């Protein structure tokens, strides 16, 4: 019986690809998925996706990641720092493309 290989979210890190075990800001890559957030599943077994496969799988991995982000409440696209209300009136809140160049 032949099993098909699919890509699924890593059960260990739930697609994040890393852990911050102690909360001290030291993130470590997930051992199960090697930091990808996704693994191959074939015949009920999960295995790491080799880096050499990333290019061929880029669109599928990107779609899976977008689906995961939507489940977390993400609803759009990332805003540039100067478009973020929280950064208003800060150095990062200034659009660098509107500022005059130094002579």
PDB file of N, CA and C in Angstrom:
ATOM      1  N   UNK A   1       0.841  -1.179   0.000  1.00  0.00           N
ATOM      2  CA  UNK A   1       0.000   0.000   0.000  1.00  0.00           C
ATOM      3  C   UNK A   1       0.888   1.246   0.000  1.00  0.00           C
ATOM      4  N   UNK A   2       0.653   2.126  -0.932  1.00  0.00           N
ATOM      5  CA  UNK A   2       1.463   3.335  -1.063  1.00  0.00           C
ATOM      6  C   UNK A   2       0.819   4.481  -0.293  1.00  0.00           C
ATOM      7  N   UNK A   3       1.624   5.180   0.491  1.00  0.00           N
ATOM      8  CA  UNK A   3       1.154   6.329   1.260  1.00  0.00           C
ATOM      9  C   UNK A   3       1.563   7.606   0.540  1.00  0.00           C
ATOM     10  N   UNK A   4       0.688   8.601   0.592  1.00  0.00           N
ATOM     11  CA  UNK A   4       1.065   9.887   0.013  1.00  0.00           C
ATOM     12  C   UNK A   4       1.671  10.757   1.100  1.00  0.00           C
ATOM     13  N   UNK A   5       2.595  11.560   0.719  1.00  0.00           N
ATOM     14  CA  UNK A   5       3.280  12.452   1.651  1.00  0.00           C
ATOM     15  C   UNK A   5       2.610  13.814   1.573  1.00  0.00           C
ATOM     16  N   UNK A   6       2.211  14.329   2.722  1.00  0.00           N
ATOM     17  CA  UNK A   6       1.584  15.647   2.793  1.00  0.00           C
ATOM     18  C   UNK A   6       2.388  16.524   3.742  1.00  0.00           C
ATOM     19  N   UNK A   7       2.116  17.804   3.692  1.00  0.00           N
ATOM     20  CA  UNK A   7       2.752  18.753   4.601  1.00  0.00           C
ATOM     21  C   UNK A   7       1.710  19.133   5.647  1.00  0.00           C
ATOM     22  N   UNK A   8       2.105  19.033   6.911  1.00  0.00           N
ATOM     23  CA  UNK A   8       1.211  19.376   8.012  1.00  0.00           C
ATOM     24  C   UNK A   8       1.936  20.266   9.008  1.00  0.00           C
ATOM     25  N   UNK A   9       1.166  20.962   9.824  1.00  0.00           N
ATOM     26  CA  UNK A   9       1.726  21.802  10.881  1.00  0.00           C
ATOM     27  C   UNK A   9       2.433  20.910  11.898  1.00  0.00           C
ATOM     28  N   UNK A  10       3.570  21.342  12.354  1.00  0.00           N
ATOM     29  CA  UNK A  10       4.333  20.592  13.355  1.00  0.00           C
ATOM     30  C   UNK A  10       3.517  20.488  14.640  1.00  0.00           C
ATOM     31  N   UNK A  11       3.349  19.259  15.134  1.00  0.00           N
ATOM     32  CA  UNK A  11       2.572  19.025  16.351  1.00  0.00           C
ATOM     33  C   UNK A  11       3.305  19.522  17.590  1.00  0.00           C
ATOM     34  N   UNK A  12       4.603  19.623  17.515  1.00  0.00           N
ATOM     35  CA  UNK A  12       5.385  20.028  18.680  1.00  0.00           C
ATOM     36  C   UNK A  12       5.316  21.532  18.939  1.00  0.00           C
ATOM     37  N   UNK A  13       5.461  22.329  17.890  1.00  0.00           N
ATOM     38  CA  UNK A  13       5.501  23.789  18.065  1.00  0.00           C
ATOM     39  C   UNK A  13       4.260  24.485  17.507  1.00  0.00           C
ATOM     40  N   UNK A  14       3.323  23.721  16.973  1.00  0.00           N
ATOM     41  CA  UNK A  14       2.075  24.236  16.413  1.00  0.00           C
ATOM     42  C   UNK A  14       2.314  25.244  15.294  1.00  0.00           C
ATOM     43  N   UNK A  15       3.363  25.038  14.531  1.00  0.00           N
ATOM     44  CA  UNK A  15       3.619  25.880  13.375  1.00  0.00           C
ATOM     45  C   UNK A  15       4.500  27.086  13.629  1.00  0.00           C
ATOM     46  N   UNK A  16       4.844  27.351  14.876  1.00  0.00           N
ATOM     47  CA  UNK A  16       5.692  28.511  15.159  1.00  0.00           C
ATOM     48  C   UNK A  16       7.141  28.276  14.736  1.00  0.00           C
ATOM     49  N   UNK A  17       7.622  27.043  14.868  1.00  0.00           N
ATOM     50  CA  UNK A  17       8.993  26.728  14.460  1.00  0.00           C
ATOM     51  C   UNK A  17      10.029  26.954  15.546  1.00  0.00           C
ATOM     52  N   UNK A  18       9.622  27.468  16.696  1.00  0.00           N
ATOM     53  CA  UNK A  18      10.564  27.769  17.771  1.00  0.00           C
ATOM     54  C   UNK A  18       9.847  27.747  19.109  1.00  0.00           C
ATOM     55  N   UNK A  19      10.644  27.763  20.156  1.00  0.00           N
ATOM     56  CA  UNK A  19      10.141  27.816  21.523  1.00  0.00           C
ATOM     57  C   UNK A  19      10.917  28.864  22.302  1.00  0.00           C
ATOM     58  N   UNK A  20      10.239  29.501  23.228  1.00  0.00           N
ATOM     59  CA  UNK A  20      10.880  30.374  24.205  1.00  0.00           C
ATOM     60  C   UNK A  20      10.586  29.739  25.552  1.00  0.00           C
ATOM     61  N   UNK A  21      11.356  28.723  25.870  1.00  0.00           N
ATOM     62  CA  UNK A  21      11.105  27.868  27.033  1.00  0.00           C
ATOM     63  C   UNK A  21      11.010  28.635  28.348  1.00  0.00           C
ATOM     64  N   UNK A  22      11.991  29.444  28.647  1.00  0.00           N
ATOM     65  CA  UNK A  22      12.028  30.096  29.948  1.00  0.00           C
ATOM     66  C   UNK A  22      11.428  31.481  29.967  1.00  0.00           C
ATOM     67  N   UNK A  23      10.994  31.980  28.832  1.00  0.00           N
ATOM     68  CA  UNK A  23      10.449  33.324  28.780  1.00  0.00           C
ATOM     69  C   UNK A  23      11.517  34.402  28.845  1.00  0.00           C
ATOM     70  N   UNK A  24      12.782  34.005  28.739  1.00  0.00           N
ATOM     71  CA  UNK A  24      13.869  34.967  28.830  1.00  0.00           C
ATOM     72  C   UNK A  24      14.313  35.525  27.499  1.00  0.00           C
ATOM     73  N   UNK A  25      13.540  35.285  26.445  1.00  0.00           N
ATOM     74  CA  UNK A  25      13.884  35.834  25.143  1.00  0.00           C
ATOM     75  C   UNK A  25      14.854  34.992  24.343  1.00  0.00           C
ATOM     76  N   UNK A  26      15.249  33.850  24.853  1.00  0.00           N
ATOM     77  CA  UNK A  26      16.156  32.952  24.134  1.00  0.00           C
ATOM     78  C   UNK A  26      15.344  31.900  23.388  1.00  0.00           C
ATOM     79  N   UNK A  27      14.975  32.184  22.176  1.00  0.00           N
ATOM     80  CA  UNK A  27      14.189  31.248  21.375  1.00  0.00           C
ATOM     81  C   UNK A  27      15.096  30.178  20.778  1.00  0.00           C
ATOM     82  N   UNK A  28      14.574  28.975  20.743  1.00  0.00           N
ATOM     83  CA  UNK A  28      15.301  27.856  20.143  1.00  0.00           C
ATOM     84  C   UNK A  28      14.423  27.195  19.095  1.00  0.00           C
ATOM     85  N   UNK A  29      15.043  26.783  17.988  1.00  0.00           N
ATOM     86  CA  UNK A  29      14.297  26.099  16.943  1.00  0.00           C
ATOM     87  C   UNK A  29      13.695  24.811  17.471  1.00  0.00           C
ATOM     88  N   UNK A  30      12.537  24.485  16.975  1.00  0.00           N
ATOM     89  CA  UNK A  30      11.860  23.242  17.328  1.00  0.00           C
ATOM     90  C   UNK A  30      12.657  22.065  16.766  1.00  0.00           C
ATOM     91  N   UNK A  31      12.875  21.056  17.578  1.00  0.00           N
ATOM     92  CA  UNK A  31      13.622  19.879  17.137  1.00  0.00           C
ATOM     93  C   UNK A  31      12.845  19.032  16.128  1.00  0.00           C
ATOM     94  N   UNK A  32      11.539  19.038  16.211  1.00  0.00           N
ATOM     95  CA  UNK A  32      10.734  18.181  15.339  1.00  0.00           C
ATOM     96  C   UNK A  32      10.722  18.676  13.897  1.00  0.00           C
ATOM     97  N   UNK A  33      10.653  19.982  13.720  1.00  0.00           N
ATOM     98  CA  UNK A  33      10.527  20.529  12.359  1.00  0.00           C
ATOM     99  C   UNK A  33      11.763  21.308  11.914  1.00  0.00           C
ATOM    100  N   UNK A  34      12.772  21.394  12.765  1.00  0.00           N
ATOM    101  CA  UNK A  34      14.010  22.133  12.477  1.00  0.00           C
ATOM    102  C   UNK A  34      13.739  23.610  12.198  1.00  0.00           C
ATOM    103  N   UNK A  35      12.705  24.151  12.838  1.00  0.00           N
ATOM    104  CA  UNK A  35      12.421  25.572  12.711  1.00  0.00           C
ATOM    105  C   UNK A  35      11.490  25.948  11.578  1.00  0.00           C
ATOM    106  N   UNK A  36      11.045  24.987  10.779  1.00  0.00           N
ATOM    107  CA  UNK A  36      10.176  25.295   9.640  1.00  0.00           C
ATOM    108  C   UNK A  36       8.730  25.520  10.042  1.00  0.00           C
ATOM    109  N   UNK A  37       8.297  24.874  11.117  1.00  0.00           N
ATOM    110  CA  UNK A  37       6.903  24.977  11.537  1.00  0.00           C
ATOM    111  C   UNK A  37       6.015  23.927  10.895  1.00  0.00           C
ATOM    112  N   UNK A  38       6.528  23.258   9.883  1.00  0.00           N
ATOM    113  CA  UNK A  38       5.771  22.253   9.145  1.00  0.00           C
ATOM    114  C   UNK A  38       6.655  21.034   8.910  1.00  0.00           C
ATOM    115  N   UNK A  39       6.015  19.885   8.765  1.00  0.00           N
ATOM    116  CA  UNK A  39       6.724  18.616   8.553  1.00  0.00           C
ATOM    117  C   UNK A  39       6.026  17.830   7.452  1.00  0.00           C
ATOM    118  N   UNK A  40       6.743  16.854   6.914  1.00  0.00           N
ATOM    119  CA  UNK A  40       6.123  15.892   6.015  1.00  0.00           C
ATOM    120  C   UNK A  40       5.395  14.860   6.860  1.00  0.00           C
ATOM    121  N   UNK A  41       4.210  14.438   6.430  1.00  0.00           N
ATOM    122  CA  UNK A  41       3.514  13.326   7.077  1.00  0.00           C
ATOM    123  C   UNK A  41       3.250  12.269   6.007  1.00  0.00           C
ATOM    124  N   UNK A  42       3.726  11.077   6.296  1.00  0.00           N
ATOM    125  CA  UNK A  42       3.535   9.965   5.373  1.00  0.00           C
ATOM    126  C   UNK A  42       3.272   8.704   6.175  1.00  0.00           C
ATOM    127  N   UNK A  43       2.163   8.058   5.897  1.00  0.00           N
ATOM    128  CA  UNK A  43       1.830   6.829   6.591  1.00  0.00           C
ATOM    129  C   UNK A  43       1.682   7.008   8.093  1.00  0.00           C
ATOM    130  N   UNK A  44       1.223   8.190   8.529  1.00  0.00           N
ATOM    131  CA  UNK A  44       1.047   8.449   9.945  1.00  0.00           C
ATOM    132  C   UNK A  44       2.306   8.839  10.691  1.00  0.00           C
ATOM    133  N   UNK A  45       3.403   8.990   9.976  1.00  0.00           N
ATOM    134  CA  UNK A  45       4.680   9.385  10.603  1.00  0.00           C
ATOM    135  C   UNK A  45       5.103  10.745  10.082  1.00  0.00           C
ATOM    136  N   UNK A  46       5.628  11.546  10.982  1.00  0.00           N
ATOM    137  CA  UNK A  46       6.117  12.875  10.626  1.00  0.00           C
ATOM    138  C   UNK A  46       7.624  12.856  10.476  1.00  0.00           C
ATOM    139  N   UNK A  47       8.116  13.641   9.517  1.00  0.00           N
ATOM    140  CA  UNK A  47       9.562  13.777   9.341  1.00  0.00           C
ATOM    141  C   UNK A  47       9.893  15.200   8.921  1.00  0.00           C
ATOM    142  N   UNK A  48      11.106  15.605   9.216  1.00  0.00           N
ATOM    143  CA  UNK A  48      11.581  16.959   8.901  1.00  0.00           C
ATOM    144  C   UNK A  48      11.574  17.168   7.387  1.00  0.00           C
ATOM    145  N   UNK A  49      11.190  18.370   6.973  1.00  0.00           N
ATOM    146  CA  UNK A  49      11.284  18.744   5.564  1.00  0.00           C
ATOM    147  C   UNK A  49      12.710  19.201   5.315  1.00  0.00           C
ATOM    148  N   UNK A  50      13.449  18.517   4.435  1.00  0.00           N
ATOM    149  CA  UNK A  50      14.822  18.938   4.163  1.00  0.00           C
ATOM    150  C   UNK A  50      14.866  20.343   3.551  1.00  0.00           C
ATOM    151  N   UNK A  51      15.856  21.118   3.930  1.00  0.00           N
ATOM    152  CA  UNK A  51      16.008  22.477   3.380  1.00  0.00           C
ATOM    153  C   UNK A  51      16.051  22.464   1.857  1.00  0.00           C
ATOM    154  N   UNK A  52      16.576  21.405   1.293  1.00  0.00           N
ATOM    155  CA  UNK A  52      16.673  21.315  -0.165  1.00  0.00           C
ATOM    156  C   UNK A  52      15.289  21.261  -0.823  1.00  0.00           C
ATOM    157  N   UNK A  53      14.240  20.953  -0.078  1.00  0.00           N
ATOM    158  CA  UNK A  53      12.879  20.903  -0.618  1.00  0.00           C
ATOM    159  C   UNK A  53      12.154  22.241  -0.511  1.00  0.00           C
ATOM    160  N   UNK A  54      12.687  23.180   0.259  1.00  0.00           N
ATOM    161  CA  UNK A  54      11.988  24.439   0.526  1.00  0.00           C
ATOM    162  C   UNK A  54      11.605  25.198  -0.745  1.00  0.00           C
ATOM    163  N   UNK A  55      12.495  25.285  -1.702  1.00  0.00           N
ATOM    164  CA  UNK A  55      12.211  26.053  -2.916  1.00  0.00           C
ATOM    165  C   UNK A  55      11.011  25.473  -3.651  1.00  0.00           C
ATOM    166  N   UNK A  56      10.978  24.177  -3.799  1.00  0.00           N
ATOM    167  CA  UNK A  56       9.870  23.526  -4.511  1.00  0.00           C
ATOM    168  C   UNK A  56       8.554  23.633  -3.736  1.00  0.00           C
ATOM    169  N   UNK A  57       8.630  23.765  -2.428  1.00  0.00           N
ATOM    170  CA  UNK A  57       7.436  23.798  -1.582  1.00  0.00           C
ATOM    171  C   UNK A  57       7.038  25.199  -1.142  1.00  0.00           C
ATOM    172  N   UNK A  58       7.762  26.209  -1.588  1.00  0.00           N
ATOM    173  CA  UNK A  58       7.580  27.570  -1.081  1.00  0.00           C
ATOM    174  C   UNK A  58       6.124  28.039  -1.131  1.00  0.00           C
ATOM    175  N   UNK A  59       5.447  27.859  -2.235  1.00  0.00           N
ATOM    176  CA  UNK A  59       4.068  28.345  -2.352  1.00  0.00           C
ATOM    177  C   UNK A  59       3.140  27.609  -1.390  1.00  0.00           C
ATOM    178  N   UNK A  60       3.301  26.291  -1.280  1.00  0.00           N
ATOM    179  CA  UNK A  60       2.453  25.516  -0.380  1.00  0.00           C
ATOM    180  C   UNK A  60       2.715  25.886   1.084  1.00  0.00           C
ATOM    181  N   UNK A  61       3.992  26.048   1.449  1.00  0.00           N
ATOM    182  CA  UNK A  61       4.324  26.442   2.818  1.00  0.00           C
ATOM    183  C   UNK A  61       3.798  27.842   3.133  1.00  0.00           C
ATOM    184  N   UNK A  62       3.891  28.733   2.172  1.00  0.00           N
ATOM    185  CA  UNK A  62       3.388  30.098   2.365  1.00  0.00           C
ATOM    186  C   UNK A  62       1.875  30.090   2.562  1.00  0.00           C
ATOM    187  N   UNK A  63       1.154  29.275   1.795  1.00  0.00           N
ATOM    188  CA  UNK A  63      -0.302  29.183   1.936  1.00  0.00           C
ATOM    189  C   UNK A  63      -0.681  28.603   3.297  1.00  0.00           C
ATOM    190  N   UNK A  64       0.048  27.587   3.744  1.00  0.00           N
ATOM    191  CA  UNK A  64      -0.214  26.998   5.056  1.00  0.00           C
ATOM    192  C   UNK A  64       0.049  28.004   6.170  1.00  0.00           C
ATOM    193  N   UNK A  65       1.100  28.793   6.023  1.00  0.00           N
ATOM    194  CA  UNK A  65       1.424  29.798   7.039  1.00  0.00           C
ATOM    195  C   UNK A  65       0.373  30.903   7.069  1.00  0.00           C
ATOM    196  N   UNK A  66      -0.110  31.319   5.919  1.00  0.00           N
ATOM    197  CA  UNK A  66      -1.162  32.326   5.868  1.00  0.00           C
ATOM    198  C   UNK A  66      -2.432  31.792   6.544  1.00  0.00           C
ATOM    199  N   UNK A  67      -2.758  30.530   6.308  1.00  0.00           N
ATOM    200  CA  UNK A  67      -3.912  29.908   6.951  1.00  0.00           C
ATOM    201  C   UNK A  67      -3.737  29.895   8.473  1.00  0.00           C
ATOM    202  N   UNK A  68      -2.536  29.559   8.934  1.00  0.00           N
ATOM    203  CA  UNK A  68      -2.256  29.540  10.373  1.00  0.00           C
ATOM    204  C   UNK A  68      -2.405  30.938  10.973  1.00  0.00           C
ATOM    205  N   UNK A  69      -1.874  31.940  10.295  1.00  0.00           N
ATOM    206  CA  UNK A  69      -1.976  33.316  10.777  1.00  0.00           C
ATOM    207  C   UNK A  69      -3.423  33.789  10.830  1.00  0.00           C
ATOM    208  N   UNK A  70      -4.225  33.409   9.855  1.00  0.00           N
ATOM    209  CA  UNK A  70      -5.646  33.770   9.861  1.00  0.00           C
ATOM    210  C   UNK A  70      -6.346  33.143  11.062  1.00  0.00           C
ATOM    211  N   UNK A  71      -5.982  31.902  11.397  1.00  0.00           N
ATOM    212  CA  UNK A  71      -6.553  31.244  12.571  1.00  0.00           C
ATOM    213  C   UNK A  71      -6.199  31.996  13.857  1.00  0.00           C
ATOM    214  N   UNK A  72      -5.053  32.666  13.861  1.00  0.00           N
ATOM    215  CA  UNK A  72      -4.621  33.446  15.019  1.00  0.00           C
ATOM    216  C   UNK A  72      -5.233  34.847  15.039  1.00  0.00           C
ATOM    217  N   UNK A  73      -5.985  35.200  14.003  1.00  0.00           N
ATOM    218  CA  UNK A  73      -6.645  36.493  13.971  1.00  0.00           C
ATOM    219  C   UNK A  73      -6.041  37.512  13.019  1.00  0.00           C
ATOM    220  N   UNK A  74      -4.983  37.157  12.308  1.00  0.00           N
ATOM    221  CA  UNK A  74      -4.363  38.068  11.346  1.00  0.00           C
ATOM    222  C   UNK A  74      -5.356  38.322  10.220  1.00  0.00           C
ATOM    223  N   UNK A  75      -5.560  39.582   9.860  1.00  0.00           N
ATOM    224  CA  UNK A  75      -6.577  39.898   8.872  1.00  0.00           C
ATOM    225  C   UNK A  75      -6.076  40.674   7.665  1.00  0.00           C
ATOM    226  N   UNK A  76      -4.841  40.948   7.581  1.00  0.00           N
ATOM    227  CA  UNK A  76      -4.398  41.759   6.460  1.00  0.00           C
ATOM    228  C   UNK A  76      -2.944  41.537   6.131  1.00  0.00           C
ATOM    229  N   UNK A  77      -2.304  42.613   5.833  1.00  0.00           N
ATOM    230  CA  UNK A  77      -0.889  42.575   5.514  1.00  0.00           C
ATOM    231  C   UNK A  77      -0.150  43.396   6.563  1.00  0.00           C
ATOM    232  N   UNK A  78       1.113  43.147   6.668  1.00  0.00           N
ATOM    233  CA  UNK A  78       1.918  43.880   7.648  1.00  0.00           C
ATOM    234  C   UNK A  78       1.987  45.356   7.270  1.00  0.00           C
ATOM    235  N   UNK A  79       1.910  46.197   8.273  1.00  0.00           N
ATOM    236  CA  UNK A  79       2.040  47.632   8.052  1.00  0.00           C
ATOM    237  C   UNK A  79       3.492  48.032   8.246  1.00  0.00           C
ATOM    238  N   UNK A  80       3.917  48.995   7.472  1.00  0.00           N
ATOM    239  CA  UNK A  80       5.242  49.569   7.654  1.00  0.00           C
ATOM    240  C   UNK A  80       5.259  50.286   8.998  1.00  0.00           C
ATOM    241  N   UNK A  81       6.419  50.429   9.633  1.00  0.00           N
ATOM    242  CA  UNK A  81       6.466  51.080  10.952  1.00  0.00           C
ATOM    243  C   UNK A  81       5.796  52.446  10.973  1.00  0.00           C
ATOM    244  N   UNK A  82       5.964  53.249   9.932  1.00  0.00           N
ATOM    245  CA  UNK A  82       5.389  54.588   9.923  1.00  0.00           C
ATOM    246  C   UNK A  82       3.875  54.557   9.693  1.00  0.00           C
ATOM    247  N   UNK A  83       3.314  53.400   9.364  1.00  0.00           N
ATOM    248  CA  UNK A  83       1.864  53.262   9.204  1.00  0.00           C
ATOM    249  C   UNK A  83       1.198  52.773  10.496  1.00  0.00           C
ATOM    250  N   UNK A  84       1.989  52.429  11.481  1.00  0.00           N
ATOM    251  CA  UNK A  84       1.459  51.892  12.728  1.00  0.00           C
ATOM    252  C   UNK A  84       1.146  53.022  13.698  1.00  0.00           C
ATOM    253  N   UNK A  85      -0.069  53.027  14.161  1.00  0.00           N
ATOM    254  CA  UNK A  85      -0.526  54.099  15.053  1.00  0.00           C
ATOM    255  C   UNK A  85       0.345  54.201  16.308  1.00  0.00           C
ATOM    256  N   UNK A  86       0.798  53.074  16.829  1.00  0.00           N
ATOM    257  CA  UNK A  86       1.595  53.076  18.064  1.00  0.00           C
ATOM    258  C   UNK A  86       2.939  53.788  17.892  1.00  0.00           C
ATOM    259  N   UNK A  87       3.417  53.889  16.673  1.00  0.00           N
ATOM    260  CA  UNK A  87       4.717  54.511  16.419  1.00  0.00           C
ATOM    261  C   UNK A  87       4.604  55.996  16.036  1.00  0.00           C
ATOM    262  N   UNK A  88       3.401  56.508  16.027  1.00  0.00           N
ATOM    263  CA  UNK A  88       3.197  57.918  15.683  1.00  0.00           C
ATOM    264  C   UNK A  88       4.015  58.804  16.618  1.00  0.00           C
ATOM    265  N   UNK A  89       4.642  59.816  16.063  1.00  0.00           N
ATOM    266  CA  UNK A  89       5.462  60.776  16.807  1.00  0.00           C
ATOM    267  C   UNK A  89       6.723  60.155  17.407  1.00  0.00           C
ATOM    268  N   UNK A  90       7.196  59.085  16.817  1.00  0.00           N
ATOM    269  CA  UNK A  90       8.485  58.499  17.200  1.00  0.00           C
ATOM    270  C   UNK A  90       9.376  58.491  15.969  1.00  0.00           C
ATOM    271  N   UNK A  91      10.632  58.180  16.164  1.00  0.00           N
ATOM    272  CA  UNK A  91      11.552  58.138  15.034  1.00  0.00           C
ATOM    273  C   UNK A  91      11.122  57.077  14.024  1.00  0.00           C
ATOM    274  N   UNK A  92      10.664  55.925  14.499  1.00  0.00           N
ATOM    275  CA  UNK A  92      10.213  54.882  13.584  1.00  0.00           C
ATOM    276  C   UNK A  92       8.882  55.233  12.928  1.00  0.00           C
ATOM    277  N   UNK A  93       8.197  56.213  13.452  1.00  0.00           N
ATOM    278  CA  UNK A  93       6.921  56.628  12.895  1.00  0.00           C
ATOM    279  C   UNK A  93       7.047  57.573  11.713  1.00  0.00           C
ATOM    280  N   UNK A  94       8.261  57.952  11.384  1.00  0.00           N
ATOM    281  CA  UNK A  94       8.484  58.841  10.245  1.00  0.00           C
ATOM    282  C   UNK A  94       8.742  58.025   8.987  1.00  0.00           C
ATOM    283  N   UNK A  95       8.077  58.382   7.926  1.00  0.00           N
ATOM    284  CA  UNK A  95       8.274  57.702   6.643  1.00  0.00           C
ATOM    285  C   UNK A  95       9.617  58.133   6.056  1.00  0.00           C
ATOM    286  N   UNK A  96      10.563  57.209   5.918  1.00  0.00           N
ATOM    287  CA  UNK A  96      11.891  57.589   5.427  1.00  0.00           C
ATOM    288  C   UNK A  96      11.875  58.034   3.969  1.00  0.00           C
ATOM    289  N   UNK A  97      10.835  57.712   3.241  1.00  0.00           N
ATOM    290  CA  UNK A  97      10.769  58.086   1.832  1.00  0.00           C
ATOM    291  C   UNK A  97      10.271  59.507   1.637  1.00  0.00           C
ATOM    292  N   UNK A  98       9.743  60.116   2.694  1.00  0.00           N
ATOM    293  CA  UNK A  98       9.264  61.493   2.609  1.00  0.00           C
ATOM    294  C   UNK A  98      10.272  62.504   3.119  1.00  0.00           C
ATOM    295  N   UNK A  99      11.368  62.007   3.689  1.00  0.00           N
ATOM    296  CA  UNK A  99      12.345  62.913   4.274  1.00  0.00           C
ATOM    297  C   UNK A  99      13.381  63.333   3.241  1.00  0.00           C
ATOM    298  N   UNK A 100      13.841  64.580   3.320  1.00  0.00           N
ATOM    299  CA  UNK A 100      14.853  65.046   2.348  1.00  0.00           C
ATOM    300  C   UNK A 100      16.181  64.320   2.559  1.00  0.00           C
ATOM    301  N   UNK A 101      16.843  64.116   1.449  1.00  0.00           N
ATOM    302  CA  UNK A 101      18.149  63.445   1.511  1.00  0.00           C
ATOM    303  C   UNK A 101      19.210  64.421   2.007  1.00  0.00           C
ATOM    304  N   UNK A 102      20.220  63.883   2.693  1.00  0.00           N
ATOM    305  CA  UNK A 102      21.328  64.730   3.143  1.00  0.00           C
ATOM    306  C   UNK A 102      22.197  65.092   1.944  1.00  0.00           C
ATOM    307  N   UNK A 103      22.679  66.316   1.925  1.00  0.00           N
ATOM    308  CA  UNK A 103      23.554  66.747   0.831  1.00  0.00           C
ATOM    309  C   UNK A 103      24.985  66.542   1.163  1.00  0.00           C
TER     310      UNK A 103
END
